PDB file of N, CA and C in Angstrom:
ATOM      1  N   UNK A   1    -124.256 -36.171 146.700  1.00  0.00           N
ATOM      2  CA  UNK A   1    -124.725 -37.016 147.879  1.00  0.00           C
ATOM      3  C   UNK A   1    -126.199 -37.350 147.855  1.00  0.00           C
ATOM      4  N   UNK A   2    -126.926 -36.229 147.365  1.00  0.00           N
ATOM      5  CA  UNK A   2    -128.334 -36.455 147.246  1.00  0.00           C
ATOM      6  C   UNK A   2    -128.641 -37.611 146.273  1.00  0.00           C
ATOM      7  N   UNK A   3    -127.839 -37.549 145.091  1.00  0.00           N
ATOM      8  CA  UNK A   3    -128.058 -38.445 144.051  1.00  0.00           C
ATOM      9  C   UNK A   3    -127.839 -39.903 144.549  1.00  0.00           C
ATOM     10  N   UNK A   4    -126.822 -40.068 145.468  1.00  0.00           N
ATOM     11  CA  UNK A   4    -126.497 -41.389 146.019  1.00  0.00           C
ATOM     12  C   UNK A   4    -127.683 -41.793 146.851  1.00  0.00           C
ATOM     13  N   UNK A   5    -128.179 -40.941 147.678  1.00  0.00           N
ATOM     14  CA  UNK A   5    -129.263 -41.265 148.591  1.00  0.00           C
ATOM     15  C   UNK A   5    -130.581 -41.712 147.762  1.00  0.00           C
ATOM     16  N   UNK A   6    -130.777 -40.882 146.730  1.00  0.00           N
ATOM     17  CA  UNK A   6    -131.986 -41.185 145.919  1.00  0.00           C
ATOM     18  C   UNK A   6    -131.874 -42.573 145.210  1.00  0.00           C
ATOM     19  N   UNK A   7    -130.623 -42.781 144.746  1.00  0.00           N
ATOM     20  CA  UNK A   7    -130.270 -44.041 143.967  1.00  0.00           C
ATOM     21  C   UNK A   7    -130.486 -45.288 145.008  1.00  0.00           C
ATOM     22  N   UNK A   8    -130.097 -45.087 146.242  1.00  0.00           N
ATOM     23  CA  UNK A   8    -130.294 -46.144 147.208  1.00  0.00           C
ATOM     24  C   UNK A   8    -131.707 -46.394 147.436  1.00  0.00           C
ATOM     25  N   UNK A   9    -132.500 -45.310 147.607  1.00  0.00           N
ATOM     26  CA  UNK A   9    -133.975 -45.374 147.774  1.00  0.00           C
ATOM     27  C   UNK A   9    -134.634 -46.072 146.601  1.00  0.00           C
ATOM     28  N   UNK A  10    -134.151 -45.716 145.460  1.00  0.00           N
ATOM     29  CA  UNK A  10    -134.705 -46.364 144.246  1.00  0.00           C
ATOM     30  C   UNK A  10    -134.323 -47.754 144.183  1.00  0.00           C
ATOM     31  N   UNK A  11    -133.110 -48.151 144.577  1.00  0.00           N
ATOM     32  CA  UNK A  11    -132.705 -49.641 144.509  1.00  0.00           C
ATOM     33  C   UNK A  11    -133.550 -50.324 145.620  1.00  0.00           C
ATOM     34  N   UNK A  12    -133.902 -49.725 146.672  1.00  0.00           N
ATOM     35  CA  UNK A  12    -134.697 -50.376 147.650  1.00  0.00           C
ATOM     36  C   UNK A  12    -136.101 -50.716 147.060  1.00  0.00           C
ATOM     37  N   UNK A  13    -136.704 -49.570 146.404  1.00  0.00           N
ATOM     38  CA  UNK A  13    -138.018 -49.651 145.880  1.00  0.00           C
ATOM     39  C   UNK A  13    -137.978 -50.753 144.764  1.00  0.00           C
ATOM     40  N   UNK A  14    -136.997 -50.783 143.902  1.00  0.00           N
ATOM     41  CA  UNK A  14    -136.822 -51.799 142.830  1.00  0.00           C
ATOM     42  C   UNK A  14    -136.779 -53.147 143.391  1.00  0.00           C
ATOM     43  N   UNK A  15    -135.971 -53.386 144.407  1.00  0.00           N
ATOM     44  CA  UNK A  15    -135.899 -54.656 145.067  1.00  0.00           C
ATOM     45  C   UNK A  15    -137.239 -55.076 145.565  1.00  0.00           C
ATOM     46  N   UNK A  16    -137.931 -54.197 146.218  1.00  0.00           N
ATOM     47  CA  UNK A  16    -139.206 -54.658 146.708  1.00  0.00           C
ATOM     48  C   UNK A  16    -140.228 -54.948 145.650  1.00  0.00           C
ATOM     49  N   UNK A  17    -140.275 -54.163 144.548  1.00  0.00           N
ATOM     50  CA  UNK A  17    -141.056 -54.466 143.440  1.00  0.00           C
ATOM     51  C   UNK A  17    -140.727 -55.784 142.850  1.00  0.00           C
ATOM     52  N   UNK A  18    -139.424 -56.084 142.666  1.00  0.00           N
ATOM     53  CA  UNK A  18    -138.990 -57.378 142.119  1.00  0.00           C
ATOM     54  C   UNK A  18    -139.520 -58.565 142.931  1.00  0.00           C
ATOM     55  N   UNK A  19    -139.327 -58.393 144.324  1.00  0.00           N
ATOM     56  CA  UNK A  19    -139.702 -59.466 145.245  1.00  0.00           C
ATOM     57  C   UNK A  19    -141.221 -59.664 145.085  1.00  0.00           C
ATOM     58  N   UNK A  20    -141.969 -58.547 145.039  1.00  0.00           N
ATOM     59  CA  UNK A  20    -143.468 -58.613 144.953  1.00  0.00           C
ATOM     60  C   UNK A  20    -143.833 -59.450 143.651  1.00  0.00           C
ATOM     61  N   UNK A  21    -143.176 -59.037 142.465  1.00  0.00           N
ATOM     62  CA  UNK A  21    -143.414 -59.640 141.198  1.00  0.00           C
ATOM     63  C   UNK A  21    -143.054 -61.168 141.233  1.00  0.00           C
ATOM     64  N   UNK A  22    -141.952 -61.512 141.906  1.00  0.00           N
ATOM     65  CA  UNK A  22    -141.612 -62.933 141.962  1.00  0.00           C
ATOM     66  C   UNK A  22    -142.606 -63.584 142.851  1.00  0.00           C
ATOM     67  N   UNK A  23    -143.136 -63.108 143.899  1.00  0.00           N
ATOM     68  CA  UNK A  23    -144.076 -63.778 144.722  1.00  0.00           C
ATOM     69  C   UNK A  23    -145.354 -63.986 143.880  1.00  0.00           C
ATOM     70  N   UNK A  24    -145.807 -62.924 143.168  1.00  0.00           N
ATOM     71  CA  UNK A  24    -147.027 -63.001 142.347  1.00  0.00           C
ATOM     72  C   UNK A  24    -146.845 -64.110 141.294  1.00  0.00           C
ATOM     73  N   UNK A  25    -145.674 -64.153 140.541  1.00  0.00           N
ATOM     74  CA  UNK A  25    -145.473 -65.084 139.526  1.00  0.00           C
ATOM     75  C   UNK A  25    -145.439 -66.517 140.134  1.00  0.00           C
ATOM     76  N   UNK A  26    -144.841 -66.538 141.410  1.00  0.00           N
ATOM     77  CA  UNK A  26    -144.651 -67.831 141.987  1.00  0.00           C
ATOM     78  C   UNK A  26    -146.119 -68.414 142.272  1.00  0.00           C
ATOM     79  N   UNK A  27    -146.975 -67.537 142.792  1.00  0.00           N
ATOM     80  CA  UNK A  27    -148.281 -68.018 143.173  1.00  0.00           C
ATOM     81  C   UNK A  27    -149.066 -68.486 141.880  1.00  0.00           C
ATOM     82  N   UNK A  28    -148.948 -67.618 140.836  1.00  0.00           N
ATOM     83  CA  UNK A  28    -149.648 -67.905 139.588  1.00  0.00           C
ATOM     84  C   UNK A  28    -149.176 -69.211 138.969  1.00  0.00           C
ATOM     85  N   UNK A  29    -147.861 -69.428 139.023  1.00  0.00           N
ATOM     86  CA  UNK A  29    -147.273 -70.752 138.384  1.00  0.00           C
ATOM     87  C   UNK A  29    -147.424 -71.923 139.272  1.00  0.00           C
ATOM     88  N   UNK A  30    -148.019 -71.724 140.408  1.00  0.00           N
ATOM     89  CA  UNK A  30    -148.254 -72.862 141.338  1.00  0.00           C
ATOM     90  C   UNK A  30    -147.026 -73.484 141.921  1.00  0.00           C
ATOM     91  N   UNK A  31    -145.881 -72.585 142.119  1.00  0.00           N
ATOM     92  CA  UNK A  31    -144.723 -73.008 142.781  1.00  0.00           C
ATOM     93  C   UNK A  31    -143.718 -73.721 141.773  1.00  0.00           C
ATOM     94  N   UNK A  32    -143.763 -73.308 140.602  1.00  0.00           N
ATOM     95  CA  UNK A  32    -142.755 -73.886 139.527  1.00  0.00           C
ATOM     96  C   UNK A  32    -141.515 -73.071 139.552  1.00  0.00           C
ATOM     97  N   UNK A  33    -141.438 -71.912 140.365  1.00  0.00           N
ATOM     98  CA  UNK A  33    -140.214 -71.114 140.245  1.00  0.00           C
ATOM     99  C   UNK A  33    -139.055 -71.415 141.246  1.00  0.00           C
ATOM    100  N   UNK A  34    -139.269 -72.555 141.907  1.00  0.00           N
ATOM    101  CA  UNK A  34    -138.210 -72.903 142.910  1.00  0.00           C
ATOM    102  C   UNK A  34    -136.831 -72.975 142.200  1.00  0.00           C
ATOM    103  N   UNK A  35    -136.778 -73.611 140.986  1.00  0.00           N
ATOM    104  CA  UNK A  35    -135.547 -73.689 140.333  1.00  0.00           C
ATOM    105  C   UNK A  35    -134.931 -72.401 139.888  1.00  0.00           C
ATOM    106  N   UNK A  36    -135.951 -71.539 139.458  1.00  0.00           N
ATOM    107  CA  UNK A  36    -135.501 -70.218 138.906  1.00  0.00           C
ATOM    108  C   UNK A  36    -135.055 -69.377 140.129  1.00  0.00           C
ATOM    109  N   UNK A  37    -135.752 -69.471 141.270  1.00  0.00           N
ATOM    110  CA  UNK A  37    -135.330 -68.641 142.518  1.00  0.00           C
ATOM    111  C   UNK A  37    -133.862 -69.102 142.962  1.00  0.00           C
ATOM    112  N   UNK A  38    -133.632 -70.444 142.847  1.00  0.00           N
ATOM    113  CA  UNK A  38    -132.230 -70.971 143.295  1.00  0.00           C
ATOM    114  C   UNK A  38    -131.263 -70.430 142.235  1.00  0.00           C
ATOM    115  N   UNK A  39    -131.559 -70.367 141.023  1.00  0.00           N
ATOM    116  CA  UNK A  39    -130.708 -69.872 140.056  1.00  0.00           C
ATOM    117  C   UNK A  39    -130.392 -68.397 140.296  1.00  0.00           C
ATOM    118  N   UNK A  40    -131.450 -67.612 140.622  1.00  0.00           N
ATOM    119  CA  UNK A  40    -131.235 -66.194 140.917  1.00  0.00           C
ATOM    120  C   UNK A  40    -130.397 -66.019 142.174  1.00  0.00           C
ATOM    121  N   UNK A  41    -130.526 -66.844 143.199  1.00  0.00           N
ATOM    122  CA  UNK A  41    -129.815 -66.790 144.402  1.00  0.00           C
ATOM    123  C   UNK A  41    -128.309 -67.118 144.050  1.00  0.00           C
ATOM    124  N   UNK A  42    -128.146 -68.102 143.241  1.00  0.00           N
ATOM    125  CA  UNK A  42    -126.781 -68.403 142.879  1.00  0.00           C
ATOM    126  C   UNK A  42    -126.076 -67.287 142.102  1.00  0.00           C
ATOM    127  N   UNK A  43    -126.860 -66.635 141.154  1.00  0.00           N
ATOM    128  CA  UNK A  43    -126.235 -65.496 140.541  1.00  0.00           C
ATOM    129  C   UNK A  43    -125.966 -64.280 141.436  1.00  0.00           C
ATOM    130  N   UNK A  44    -126.825 -64.072 142.433  1.00  0.00           N
ATOM    131  CA  UNK A  44    -126.620 -62.937 143.342  1.00  0.00           C
ATOM    132  C   UNK A  44    -125.395 -63.266 144.277  1.00  0.00           C
ATOM    133  N   UNK A  45    -125.209 -64.526 144.662  1.00  0.00           N
ATOM    134  CA  UNK A  45    -124.171 -64.886 145.478  1.00  0.00           C
ATOM    135  C   UNK A  45    -122.807 -64.773 144.574  1.00  0.00           C
ATOM    136  N   UNK A  46    -122.870 -65.098 143.401  1.00  0.00           N
ATOM    137  CA  UNK A  46    -121.633 -65.012 142.583  1.00  0.00           C
ATOM    138  C   UNK A  46    -121.281 -63.571 142.318  1.00  0.00           C
ATOM    139  N   UNK A  47    -122.292 -62.636 142.218  1.00  0.00           N
ATOM    140  CA  UNK A  47    -121.961 -61.228 142.026  1.00  0.00           C
ATOM    141  C   UNK A  47    -121.460 -60.715 143.451  1.00  0.00           C
TER     142      UNK A  47
END
C-alpha cells in the first residue's frame, strides 16, 4: 500500500515537472509548441 501511495505521489511530481518543462520550452520557442501540445493531448486521450 505504501508503495502505491509513493508511486502516486511520484507520478504527481513527475507530471508537475513535465508541465513546468513544457511551459519553459514553450516560452523559449516563442509559442511553436502548440502543434506538439495538441499531439500530446491526442496521445493522452487515446491512452
